[in-house]
């Protein structure tokens, strides 16, 4: 089961990165792959945050720490991905000139 999830996530991430590099693809395809890429990361960190919230019922401090860690990791990953995509686009535009 783990192998199946890993293959699916690798496929989505690789497809999103390769499609972003080639601007000859249509915009709806690029946007769809970017949304799938975003949803993969958001779901992983959402699960970590949910685990932290569910643990808070028994151990408040530990659950709160896990929930905050999951939310922070998700936020940092999403912001980092957006910054990286913008940096690549600017670099691609400079290379075209």
C-alpha atoms as a PDB file:
ATOM      1  CA  UNK A   1       0.000   0.000   0.000  1.00  0.00           C
ATOM      2  CA  UNK A   2       2.840   2.344   0.882  1.00  0.00           C
ATOM      3  CA  UNK A   3       4.454   1.654  -2.488  1.00  0.00           C
ATOM      4  CA  UNK A   4       1.249   2.563  -4.336  1.00  0.00           C
ATOM      5  CA  UNK A   5       0.934   5.912  -2.514  1.00  0.00           C
ATOM      6  CA  UNK A   6       4.605   6.635  -3.105  1.00  0.00           C
ATOM      7  CA  UNK A   7       4.280   5.932  -6.820  1.00  0.00           C
ATOM      8  CA  UNK A   8       1.199   8.147  -7.135  1.00  0.00           C
ATOM      9  CA  UNK A   9       2.833  11.054  -5.298  1.00  0.00           C
ATOM     10  CA  UNK A  10       6.048  10.703  -7.324  1.00  0.00           C
ATOM     11  CA  UNK A  11       4.049  10.704 -10.553  1.00  0.00           C
ATOM     12  CA  UNK A  12       2.116  13.841  -9.615  1.00  0.00           C
ATOM     13  CA  UNK A  13       5.190  15.734  -8.397  1.00  0.00           C
ATOM     14  CA  UNK A  14       7.309  14.778 -11.430  1.00  0.00           C
ATOM     15  CA  UNK A  15       4.503  15.609 -13.842  1.00  0.00           C
ATOM     16  CA  UNK A  16       3.922  18.997 -12.204  1.00  0.00           C
ATOM     17  CA  UNK A  17       7.612  19.899 -12.329  1.00  0.00           C
ATOM     18  CA  UNK A  18       8.097  18.751 -15.935  1.00  0.00           C
ATOM     19  CA  UNK A  19       4.930  20.475 -17.127  1.00  0.00           C
ATOM     20  CA  UNK A  20       5.929  23.703 -15.414  1.00  0.00           C
ATOM     21  CA  UNK A  21       9.268  23.640 -17.233  1.00  0.00           C
ATOM     22  CA  UNK A  22       7.576  23.425 -20.642  1.00  0.00           C
ATOM     23  CA  UNK A  23       5.346  26.410 -21.273  1.00  0.00           C
ATOM     24  CA  UNK A  24       4.045  24.884 -24.512  1.00  0.00           C
ATOM     25  CA  UNK A  25       1.507  22.884 -22.510  1.00  0.00           C
ATOM     26  CA  UNK A  26      -1.924  24.428 -22.164  1.00  0.00           C
ATOM     27  CA  UNK A  27      -2.638  26.444 -19.048  1.00  0.00           C
ATOM     28  CA  UNK A  28      -5.549  24.299 -17.807  1.00  0.00           C
ATOM     29  CA  UNK A  29      -3.279  21.228 -17.767  1.00  0.00           C
ATOM     30  CA  UNK A  30      -0.566  23.103 -15.881  1.00  0.00           C
ATOM     31  CA  UNK A  31      -3.062  24.503 -13.383  1.00  0.00           C
ATOM     32  CA  UNK A  32      -4.631  21.076 -12.823  1.00  0.00           C
ATOM     33  CA  UNK A  33      -1.256  19.505 -12.124  1.00  0.00           C
ATOM     34  CA  UNK A  34      -0.312  22.363  -9.801  1.00  0.00           C
ATOM     35  CA  UNK A  35      -3.560  21.858  -7.882  1.00  0.00           C
ATOM     36  CA  UNK A  36      -2.864  18.105  -7.582  1.00  0.00           C
ATOM     37  CA  UNK A  37       0.670  18.901  -6.407  1.00  0.00           C
ATOM     38  CA  UNK A  38      -0.718  21.302  -3.814  1.00  0.00           C
ATOM     39  CA  UNK A  39      -3.336  18.810  -2.631  1.00  0.00           C
ATOM     40  CA  UNK A  40      -0.708  16.088  -2.112  1.00  0.00           C
ATOM     41  CA  UNK A  41       1.299  18.288   0.224  1.00  0.00           C
ATOM     42  CA  UNK A  42      -1.776  19.714   1.929  1.00  0.00           C
ATOM     43  CA  UNK A  43      -3.226  16.265   2.615  1.00  0.00           C
ATOM     44  CA  UNK A  44       0.000  14.964   4.169  1.00  0.00           C
ATOM     45  CA  UNK A  45       0.347  17.896   6.529  1.00  0.00           C
ATOM     46  CA  UNK A  46      -3.390  17.924   7.166  1.00  0.00           C
ATOM     47  CA  UNK A  47      -3.154  14.348   8.402  1.00  0.00           C
ATOM     48  CA  UNK A  48      -0.276  15.270  10.738  1.00  0.00           C
ATOM     49  CA  UNK A  49      -2.273  18.224  12.058  1.00  0.00           C
ATOM     50  CA  UNK A  50      -5.358  16.035  12.536  1.00  0.00           C
ATOM     51  CA  UNK A  51      -3.291  13.466  14.442  1.00  0.00           C
ATOM     52  CA  UNK A  52      -2.052  16.217  16.739  1.00  0.00           C
ATOM     53  CA  UNK A  53      -5.579  17.466  17.379  1.00  0.00           C
ATOM     54  CA  UNK A  54      -6.822  13.949  18.141  1.00  0.00           C
ATOM     55  CA  UNK A  55      -3.915  13.344  20.538  1.00  0.00           C
ATOM     56  CA  UNK A  56      -4.726  16.608  22.368  1.00  0.00           C
ATOM     57  CA  UNK A  57      -7.678  14.861  24.058  1.00  0.00           C
ATOM     58  CA  UNK A  58      -5.312  12.587  26.004  1.00  0.00           C
ATOM     59  CA  UNK A  59      -2.083  14.606  26.169  1.00  0.00           C
ATOM     60  CA  UNK A  60      -2.659  18.281  25.515  1.00  0.00           C
ATOM     61  CA  UNK A  61       0.950  19.488  25.246  1.00  0.00           C
ATOM     62  CA  UNK A  62       2.115  16.692  22.948  1.00  0.00           C
ATOM     63  CA  UNK A  63      -0.976  16.965  20.753  1.00  0.00           C
ATOM     64  CA  UNK A  64      -0.652  20.727  20.491  1.00  0.00           C
ATOM     65  CA  UNK A  65       3.023  20.415  19.552  1.00  0.00           C
ATOM     66  CA  UNK A  66       2.249  17.879  16.810  1.00  0.00           C
ATOM     67  CA  UNK A  67      -0.658  19.962  15.483  1.00  0.00           C
ATOM     68  CA  UNK A  68       1.440  23.134  15.357  1.00  0.00           C
ATOM     69  CA  UNK A  69       4.353  21.245  13.785  1.00  0.00           C
ATOM     70  CA  UNK A  70       2.090  19.778  11.080  1.00  0.00           C
ATOM     71  CA  UNK A  71       0.522  23.146  10.299  1.00  0.00           C
ATOM     72  CA  UNK A  72       3.913  24.890  10.229  1.00  0.00           C
ATOM     73  CA  UNK A  73       5.455  22.246   7.963  1.00  0.00           C
ATOM     74  CA  UNK A  74       2.527  22.518   5.590  1.00  0.00           C
ATOM     75  CA  UNK A  75       2.664  26.291   5.472  1.00  0.00           C
ATOM     76  CA  UNK A  76       6.425  26.358   4.939  1.00  0.00           C
ATOM     77  CA  UNK A  77       6.215  23.721   2.179  1.00  0.00           C
ATOM     78  CA  UNK A  78       3.439  25.520   0.336  1.00  0.00           C
ATOM     79  CA  UNK A  79       5.187  28.896   0.537  1.00  0.00           C
ATOM     80  CA  UNK A  80       8.481  27.302  -0.495  1.00  0.00           C
ATOM     81  CA  UNK A  81       6.871  25.618  -3.496  1.00  0.00           C
ATOM     82  CA  UNK A  82       5.282  28.862  -4.666  1.00  0.00           C
ATOM     83  CA  UNK A  83       8.565  30.749  -4.302  1.00  0.00           C
ATOM     84  CA  UNK A  84      10.439  28.007  -6.180  1.00  0.00           C
ATOM     85  CA  UNK A  85       7.937  27.965  -9.060  1.00  0.00           C
ATOM     86  CA  UNK A  86       8.140  31.765  -9.359  1.00  0.00           C
ATOM     87  CA  UNK A  87      11.947  31.674  -9.284  1.00  0.00           C
ATOM     88  CA  UNK A  88      11.992  29.071 -12.055  1.00  0.00           C
ATOM     89  CA  UNK A  89       9.573  31.109 -14.155  1.00  0.00           C
ATOM     90  CA  UNK A  90      11.702  34.266 -13.791  1.00  0.00           C
ATOM     91  CA  UNK A  91      14.833  32.293 -14.689  1.00  0.00           C
ATOM     92  CA  UNK A  92      13.043  30.808 -17.709  1.00  0.00           C
ATOM     93  CA  UNK A  93      11.926  34.261 -18.850  1.00  0.00           C
ATOM     94  CA  UNK A  94      15.487  35.611 -18.554  1.00  0.00           C
ATOM     95  CA  UNK A  95      16.807  32.686 -20.602  1.00  0.00           C
ATOM     96  CA  UNK A  96      14.243  33.366 -23.340  1.00  0.00           C
ATOM     97  CA  UNK A  97      15.461  36.953 -23.781  1.00  0.00           C
END
